[in-house]
Amino acid sequence: MSAKAAKRGKQGARQAAKPVGKPNPELVKLFARHGYIRVRTPKPGAAGQQRYHKGYEVRIPVPDKTTARNVAKMLKEIGLRPGKPYQAGKRLVVCVYGRPAAEAFTRWAKRFNREKAARLEEKLAADKR
């Protein structure tokens, strides 16, 4: 086992970071307007299920690379580690992985879009570990 893998734990999985600061309002507005959360699916191969999703993911679609860099910078400032942006249609999507991030964005979204925050809370509550 490499030194990096030993630091991460037995299986080599990275721990999800918990946000440590207050987010930039612009970041929360972007999430409340277009962002969404993908939650894990209960079991692989369940009836009516197309794919198995192992974890939680916050996705923030942005229009261009400059905005993607700014969003990644804002995420780092509050202690979250963004994933590499990827192209989805005409937009780029910046992702943050882990349940702590999903719960934090749900709380923050309440200020700008209560209906969306309520739907996200239902999704997270349905998937209690």
N, C-alpha and C. Protein backbone atom coordinates (compact mmCIF):
# COMPACT_ATOMS: atom_id res chain seq x y z
N MET A 1 0.85 -1.18 0.00
CA MET A 1 0.00 0.00 0.00
C MET A 1 0.89 1.23 0.00
N SER A 2 0.54 2.20 -0.86
CA SER A 2 1.34 3.42 -0.94
C SER A 2 1.10 4.31 0.27
N ALA A 3 1.97 5.29 0.45
CA ALA A 3 1.84 6.22 1.58
C ALA A 3 0.54 7.03 1.47
N LYS A 4 0.16 7.42 0.24
CA LYS A 4 -1.08 8.16 0.05
C LYS A 4 -2.29 7.32 0.43
N ALA A 5 -2.28 6.06 0.00
CA ALA A 5 -3.40 5.17 0.30
C ALA A 5 -3.49 4.91 1.80
N ALA A 6 -2.35 4.81 2.46
CA ALA A 6 -2.35 4.59 3.91
C ALA A 6 -2.96 5.78 4.64
N LYS A 7 -2.69 6.99 4.14
CA LYS A 7 -3.27 8.19 4.76
C LYS A 7 -4.79 8.20 4.62
N ARG A 8 -5.29 7.71 3.48
CA ARG A 8 -6.73 7.75 3.21
C ARG A 8 -7.50 6.69 3.97
N GLY A 9 -6.85 5.65 4.43
CA GLY A 9 -7.56 4.60 5.16
C GLY A 9 -7.36 3.26 4.51
N LYS A 10 -8.03 2.27 5.04
CA LYS A 10 -7.87 0.89 4.58
C LYS A 10 -8.17 0.73 3.10
N GLN A 11 -9.33 1.20 2.65
CA GLN A 11 -9.75 0.94 1.29
C GLN A 11 -9.30 2.00 0.30
N GLY A 12 -8.66 3.05 0.78
CA GLY A 12 -8.16 4.07 -0.12
C GLY A 12 -9.21 5.11 -0.50
N ALA A 13 -10.37 5.07 0.12
CA ALA A 13 -11.42 6.03 -0.21
C ALA A 13 -11.14 7.36 0.48
N ARG A 14 -11.43 8.43 -0.21
CA ARG A 14 -11.24 9.76 0.36
C ARG A 14 -12.44 10.11 1.23
N GLN A 15 -12.18 10.80 2.31
CA GLN A 15 -13.25 11.25 3.19
C GLN A 15 -13.84 12.54 2.63
N ALA A 16 -15.17 12.65 2.69
CA ALA A 16 -15.84 13.86 2.23
C ALA A 16 -15.55 15.00 3.20
N ALA A 17 -15.17 16.13 2.65
CA ALA A 17 -14.86 17.29 3.49
C ALA A 17 -16.15 17.97 3.94
N LYS A 18 -16.13 18.49 5.15
CA LYS A 18 -17.26 19.26 5.65
C LYS A 18 -16.95 20.73 5.42
N PRO A 19 -17.96 21.48 4.99
CA PRO A 19 -17.71 22.91 4.79
C PRO A 19 -17.39 23.60 6.10
N VAL A 20 -16.42 24.50 6.07
CA VAL A 20 -15.96 25.14 7.30
C VAL A 20 -16.33 26.61 7.38
N GLY A 21 -16.79 27.19 6.30
CA GLY A 21 -17.10 28.61 6.32
C GLY A 21 -18.44 28.90 5.69
N LYS A 22 -18.83 30.17 5.69
CA LYS A 22 -20.06 30.58 5.04
C LYS A 22 -19.79 30.72 3.55
N PRO A 23 -20.71 30.27 2.73
CA PRO A 23 -20.49 30.33 1.28
C PRO A 23 -20.71 31.74 0.74
N ASN A 24 -20.10 32.00 -0.38
CA ASN A 24 -20.32 33.22 -1.12
C ASN A 24 -21.78 33.19 -1.61
N PRO A 25 -22.55 34.26 -1.44
CA PRO A 25 -23.95 34.27 -1.89
C PRO A 25 -24.10 33.95 -3.38
N GLU A 26 -23.12 34.36 -4.18
CA GLU A 26 -23.18 34.09 -5.62
C GLU A 26 -23.14 32.58 -5.88
N LEU A 27 -22.34 31.84 -5.12
CA LEU A 27 -22.26 30.39 -5.25
C LEU A 27 -23.61 29.75 -4.93
N VAL A 28 -24.23 30.19 -3.86
CA VAL A 28 -25.52 29.63 -3.46
C VAL A 28 -26.60 29.98 -4.48
N LYS A 29 -26.55 31.18 -5.05
CA LYS A 29 -27.52 31.56 -6.08
C LYS A 29 -27.38 30.67 -7.30
N LEU A 30 -26.15 30.41 -7.71
CA LEU A 30 -25.93 29.51 -8.86
C LEU A 30 -26.51 28.12 -8.59
N PHE A 31 -26.27 27.62 -7.38
CA PHE A 31 -26.80 26.30 -7.03
C PHE A 31 -28.33 26.33 -6.98
N ALA A 32 -28.89 27.36 -6.33
CA ALA A 32 -30.35 27.43 -6.18
C ALA A 32 -31.05 27.57 -7.54
N ARG A 33 -30.39 28.22 -8.47
CA ARG A 33 -30.99 28.43 -9.79
C ARG A 33 -30.91 27.18 -10.67
N HIS A 34 -29.73 26.60 -10.80
CA HIS A 34 -29.55 25.50 -11.76
C HIS A 34 -28.98 24.22 -11.15
N GLY A 35 -28.47 24.28 -9.93
CA GLY A 35 -27.79 23.12 -9.36
C GLY A 35 -28.73 22.02 -8.93
N TYR A 36 -28.17 20.85 -8.72
CA TYR A 36 -28.95 19.72 -8.24
C TYR A 36 -28.06 18.75 -7.49
N ILE A 37 -28.70 17.81 -6.80
CA ILE A 37 -27.97 16.82 -6.00
C ILE A 37 -28.34 15.44 -6.50
N ARG A 38 -27.33 14.61 -6.70
CA ARG A 38 -27.55 13.21 -7.03
C ARG A 38 -27.31 12.42 -5.75
N VAL A 39 -28.29 11.63 -5.34
CA VAL A 39 -28.14 10.84 -4.13
C VAL A 39 -27.82 9.39 -4.50
N ARG A 40 -27.30 8.68 -3.54
CA ARG A 40 -26.94 7.28 -3.81
C ARG A 40 -28.20 6.44 -3.93
N THR A 41 -28.10 5.35 -4.66
CA THR A 41 -29.23 4.42 -4.78
C THR A 41 -29.06 3.34 -3.72
N PRO A 42 -30.17 2.82 -3.19
CA PRO A 42 -30.10 1.90 -2.07
C PRO A 42 -29.25 0.65 -2.30
N LYS A 43 -29.54 -0.10 -3.35
CA LYS A 43 -28.81 -1.34 -3.61
C LYS A 43 -28.58 -1.49 -5.10
N PRO A 44 -27.46 -2.09 -5.46
CA PRO A 44 -27.24 -2.34 -6.89
C PRO A 44 -28.27 -3.33 -7.41
N GLY A 45 -28.84 -3.04 -8.58
CA GLY A 45 -29.75 -3.98 -9.22
C GLY A 45 -31.15 -4.00 -8.66
N ALA A 46 -31.58 -2.98 -7.93
CA ALA A 46 -32.94 -2.95 -7.40
C ALA A 46 -33.93 -2.84 -8.56
N ALA A 47 -35.17 -3.29 -8.34
CA ALA A 47 -36.19 -3.29 -9.38
C ALA A 47 -36.46 -1.88 -9.88
N GLY A 48 -36.55 -1.72 -11.20
CA GLY A 48 -36.85 -0.43 -11.79
C GLY A 48 -35.69 0.55 -11.78
N GLN A 49 -34.53 0.11 -11.41
CA GLN A 49 -33.36 0.98 -11.29
C GLN A 49 -32.48 0.83 -12.52
N GLN A 50 -32.09 1.95 -13.09
CA GLN A 50 -31.26 1.88 -14.28
C GLN A 50 -29.78 1.83 -13.96
N ARG A 51 -29.36 2.65 -12.99
CA ARG A 51 -27.94 2.70 -12.63
C ARG A 51 -27.78 2.71 -11.13
N TYR A 52 -26.62 2.25 -10.69
CA TYR A 52 -26.28 2.30 -9.27
C TYR A 52 -25.36 3.48 -9.03
N HIS A 53 -25.75 4.39 -8.13
CA HIS A 53 -24.92 5.53 -7.76
C HIS A 53 -24.41 5.29 -6.36
N LYS A 54 -23.11 5.28 -6.21
CA LYS A 54 -22.48 4.90 -4.96
C LYS A 54 -22.54 5.99 -3.89
N GLY A 55 -22.48 7.25 -4.27
CA GLY A 55 -22.39 8.31 -3.27
C GLY A 55 -23.25 9.50 -3.60
N TYR A 56 -22.96 10.60 -2.93
CA TYR A 56 -23.69 11.85 -3.09
C TYR A 56 -22.86 12.81 -3.93
N GLU A 57 -23.56 13.63 -4.71
CA GLU A 57 -22.85 14.55 -5.59
C GLU A 57 -23.68 15.82 -5.75
N VAL A 58 -23.06 16.96 -5.51
CA VAL A 58 -23.69 18.26 -5.76
C VAL A 58 -23.18 18.71 -7.11
N ARG A 59 -24.09 19.05 -8.01
CA ARG A 59 -23.69 19.48 -9.35
C ARG A 59 -24.14 20.92 -9.57
N ILE A 60 -23.20 21.76 -10.00
CA ILE A 60 -23.48 23.17 -10.25
C ILE A 60 -23.14 23.47 -11.71
N PRO A 61 -24.16 23.57 -12.58
CA PRO A 61 -23.91 23.91 -13.98
C PRO A 61 -23.55 25.39 -14.13
N VAL A 62 -22.55 25.66 -14.94
CA VAL A 62 -22.09 27.04 -15.18
C VAL A 62 -21.92 27.23 -16.69
N PRO A 63 -22.00 28.50 -17.17
CA PRO A 63 -21.96 28.73 -18.62
C PRO A 63 -20.59 28.63 -19.28
N ASP A 64 -19.51 28.92 -18.54
CA ASP A 64 -18.19 28.94 -19.21
C ASP A 64 -17.06 28.57 -18.25
N LYS A 65 -15.85 28.47 -18.80
CA LYS A 65 -14.68 28.05 -18.01
C LYS A 65 -14.32 29.06 -16.92
N THR A 66 -14.48 30.33 -17.22
CA THR A 66 -14.15 31.36 -16.23
C THR A 66 -15.04 31.22 -15.00
N THR A 67 -16.33 31.04 -15.23
CA THR A 67 -17.26 30.87 -14.12
C THR A 67 -16.96 29.57 -13.38
N ALA A 68 -16.59 28.52 -14.10
CA ALA A 68 -16.25 27.25 -13.46
C ALA A 68 -15.04 27.42 -12.54
N ARG A 69 -14.04 28.17 -12.98
CA ARG A 69 -12.87 28.44 -12.13
C ARG A 69 -13.26 29.23 -10.90
N ASN A 70 -14.13 30.23 -11.08
CA ASN A 70 -14.59 31.03 -9.95
C ASN A 70 -15.37 30.20 -8.94
N VAL A 71 -16.23 29.31 -9.44
CA VAL A 71 -17.01 28.44 -8.56
C VAL A 71 -16.07 27.50 -7.79
N ALA A 72 -15.09 26.94 -8.49
CA ALA A 72 -14.12 26.05 -7.82
C ALA A 72 -13.36 26.81 -6.74
N LYS A 73 -12.99 28.04 -7.03
CA LYS A 73 -12.28 28.87 -6.05
C LYS A 73 -13.17 29.13 -4.82
N MET A 74 -14.44 29.46 -5.05
CA MET A 74 -15.36 29.71 -3.94
C MET A 74 -15.57 28.45 -3.10
N LEU A 75 -15.62 27.30 -3.75
CA LEU A 75 -15.78 26.03 -3.03
C LEU A 75 -14.56 25.76 -2.15
N LYS A 76 -13.38 26.01 -2.68
CA LYS A 76 -12.15 25.80 -1.91
C LYS A 76 -12.08 26.74 -0.71
N GLU A 77 -12.57 27.96 -0.87
CA GLU A 77 -12.56 28.93 0.22
C GLU A 77 -13.38 28.48 1.42
N ILE A 78 -14.43 27.70 1.19
CA ILE A 78 -15.27 27.23 2.31
C ILE A 78 -14.89 25.81 2.74
N GLY A 79 -13.81 25.29 2.18
CA GLY A 79 -13.30 24.01 2.65
C GLY A 79 -13.80 22.79 1.90
N LEU A 80 -14.45 22.98 0.75
CA LEU A 80 -14.90 21.85 -0.06
C LEU A 80 -13.95 21.65 -1.23
N ARG A 81 -13.84 20.42 -1.67
CA ARG A 81 -12.91 20.09 -2.75
C ARG A 81 -13.69 19.78 -4.02
N PRO A 82 -13.70 20.70 -4.98
CA PRO A 82 -14.46 20.46 -6.20
C PRO A 82 -13.80 19.43 -7.10
N GLY A 83 -14.62 18.74 -7.86
CA GLY A 83 -14.10 17.81 -8.86
C GLY A 83 -13.76 18.57 -10.13
N LYS A 84 -13.23 17.84 -11.09
CA LYS A 84 -12.88 18.46 -12.37
C LYS A 84 -14.16 18.77 -13.14
N PRO A 85 -14.31 20.01 -13.63
CA PRO A 85 -15.52 20.36 -14.40
C PRO A 85 -15.61 19.52 -15.68
N TYR A 86 -16.83 19.15 -16.05
CA TYR A 86 -17.03 18.40 -17.28
C TYR A 86 -18.12 19.07 -18.12
N GLN A 87 -18.08 18.80 -19.41
CA GLN A 87 -19.02 19.39 -20.35
C GLN A 87 -20.32 18.60 -20.32
N ALA A 88 -21.45 19.31 -20.22
CA ALA A 88 -22.78 18.70 -20.29
C ALA A 88 -23.63 19.60 -21.17
N GLY A 89 -23.77 19.22 -22.41
CA GLY A 89 -24.46 20.09 -23.37
C GLY A 89 -23.62 21.31 -23.65
N LYS A 90 -24.23 22.48 -23.50
CA LYS A 90 -23.50 23.72 -23.75
C LYS A 90 -22.87 24.29 -22.48
N ARG A 91 -23.06 23.61 -21.37
CA ARG A 91 -22.56 24.11 -20.09
C ARG A 91 -21.46 23.22 -19.54
N LEU A 92 -20.76 23.77 -18.57
CA LEU A 92 -19.81 23.00 -17.77
C LEU A 92 -20.48 22.70 -16.44
N VAL A 93 -20.15 21.57 -15.84
CA VAL A 93 -20.72 21.21 -14.54
C VAL A 93 -19.57 21.03 -13.56
N VAL A 94 -19.66 21.75 -12.43
CA VAL A 94 -18.68 21.63 -11.35
C VAL A 94 -19.32 20.77 -10.27
N CYS A 95 -18.63 19.74 -9.83
CA CYS A 95 -19.19 18.80 -8.85
C CYS A 95 -18.45 18.87 -7.52
N VAL A 96 -19.19 18.55 -6.46
CA VAL A 96 -18.62 18.37 -5.13
C VAL A 96 -19.21 17.07 -4.61
N TYR A 97 -18.37 16.21 -4.08
CA TYR A 97 -18.81 14.88 -3.67
C TYR A 97 -18.95 14.79 -2.15
N GLY A 98 -19.91 13.98 -1.70
CA GLY A 98 -20.07 13.68 -0.28
C GLY A 98 -21.38 14.19 0.31
N ARG A 99 -21.90 13.43 1.27
CA ARG A 99 -23.15 13.81 1.92
C ARG A 99 -23.04 15.13 2.69
N PRO A 100 -21.92 15.42 3.39
CA PRO A 100 -21.84 16.71 4.08
C PRO A 100 -22.04 17.90 3.14
N ALA A 101 -21.49 17.82 1.95
CA ALA A 101 -21.65 18.90 0.97
C ALA A 101 -23.10 18.99 0.51
N ALA A 102 -23.74 17.85 0.28
CA ALA A 102 -25.14 17.84 -0.15
C ALA A 102 -26.04 18.45 0.92
N GLU A 103 -25.81 18.09 2.17
CA GLU A 103 -26.61 18.65 3.26
C GLU A 103 -26.38 20.15 3.41
N ALA A 104 -25.13 20.58 3.28
CA ALA A 104 -24.81 22.01 3.41
C ALA A 104 -25.48 22.82 2.30
N PHE A 105 -25.40 22.35 1.07
CA PHE A 105 -26.02 23.09 -0.03
C PHE A 105 -27.54 23.12 0.11
N THR A 106 -28.12 22.07 0.65
CA THR A 106 -29.57 22.07 0.88
C THR A 106 -29.94 23.15 1.89
N ARG A 107 -29.16 23.26 2.97
CA ARG A 107 -29.42 24.31 3.97
C ARG A 107 -29.26 25.70 3.36
N TRP A 108 -28.20 25.90 2.60
CA TRP A 108 -27.91 27.21 2.03
C TRP A 108 -28.94 27.61 0.99
N ALA A 109 -29.48 26.63 0.25
CA ALA A 109 -30.43 26.93 -0.83
C ALA A 109 -31.76 27.45 -0.30
N LYS A 110 -32.06 27.21 0.97
CA LYS A 110 -33.33 27.66 1.55
C LYS A 110 -33.52 29.16 1.42
N ARG A 111 -32.43 29.92 1.50
CA ARG A 111 -32.53 31.37 1.42
C ARG A 111 -33.02 31.85 0.06
N PHE A 112 -32.74 31.10 -1.01
CA PHE A 112 -33.04 31.56 -2.35
C PHE A 112 -34.17 30.79 -3.03
N ASN A 113 -34.37 29.54 -2.65
CA ASN A 113 -35.37 28.72 -3.33
C ASN A 113 -35.90 27.67 -2.34
N ARG A 114 -36.89 28.03 -1.57
CA ARG A 114 -37.42 27.14 -0.53
C ARG A 114 -38.02 25.85 -1.09
N GLU A 115 -38.70 25.93 -2.23
CA GLU A 115 -39.32 24.75 -2.82
C GLU A 115 -38.26 23.71 -3.21
N LYS A 116 -37.21 24.20 -3.83
CA LYS A 116 -36.13 23.29 -4.24
C LYS A 116 -35.45 22.68 -3.01
N ALA A 117 -35.23 23.50 -1.99
CA ALA A 117 -34.59 23.01 -0.76
C ALA A 117 -35.45 21.94 -0.11
N ALA A 118 -36.77 22.11 -0.14
CA ALA A 118 -37.67 21.11 0.44
C ALA A 118 -37.57 19.78 -0.31
N ARG A 119 -37.52 19.85 -1.65
CA ARG A 119 -37.38 18.62 -2.45
C ARG A 119 -36.05 17.92 -2.16
N LEU A 120 -34.96 18.72 -2.02
CA LEU A 120 -33.66 18.13 -1.74
C LEU A 120 -33.63 17.48 -0.36
N GLU A 121 -34.27 18.14 0.62
CA GLU A 121 -34.33 17.56 1.97
C GLU A 121 -35.07 16.22 1.95
N GLU A 122 -36.14 16.13 1.15
CA GLU A 122 -36.87 14.86 1.03
C GLU A 122 -35.97 13.77 0.46
N LYS A 123 -35.20 14.12 -0.58
CA LYS A 123 -34.29 13.13 -1.17
C LYS A 123 -33.26 12.64 -0.16
N LEU A 124 -32.70 13.57 0.60
CA LEU A 124 -31.69 13.19 1.59
C LEU A 124 -32.30 12.41 2.75
N ALA A 125 -33.51 12.79 3.17
CA ALA A 125 -34.16 12.09 4.27
C ALA A 125 -34.54 10.67 3.88
N ALA A 126 -34.90 10.47 2.62
CA ALA A 126 -35.27 9.13 2.14
C ALA A 126 -34.08 8.20 2.13
N ASP A 127 -32.89 8.76 2.14
CA ASP A 127 -31.68 7.94 2.06
C ASP A 127 -30.84 8.10 3.32
N LYS A 128 -31.41 7.80 4.45
CA LYS A 128 -30.64 7.86 5.72
C LYS A 128 -29.74 6.64 5.80
N ARG A 129 -28.52 6.88 6.22
CA ARG A 129 -27.57 5.75 6.39
C ARG A 129 -27.69 5.18 7.76
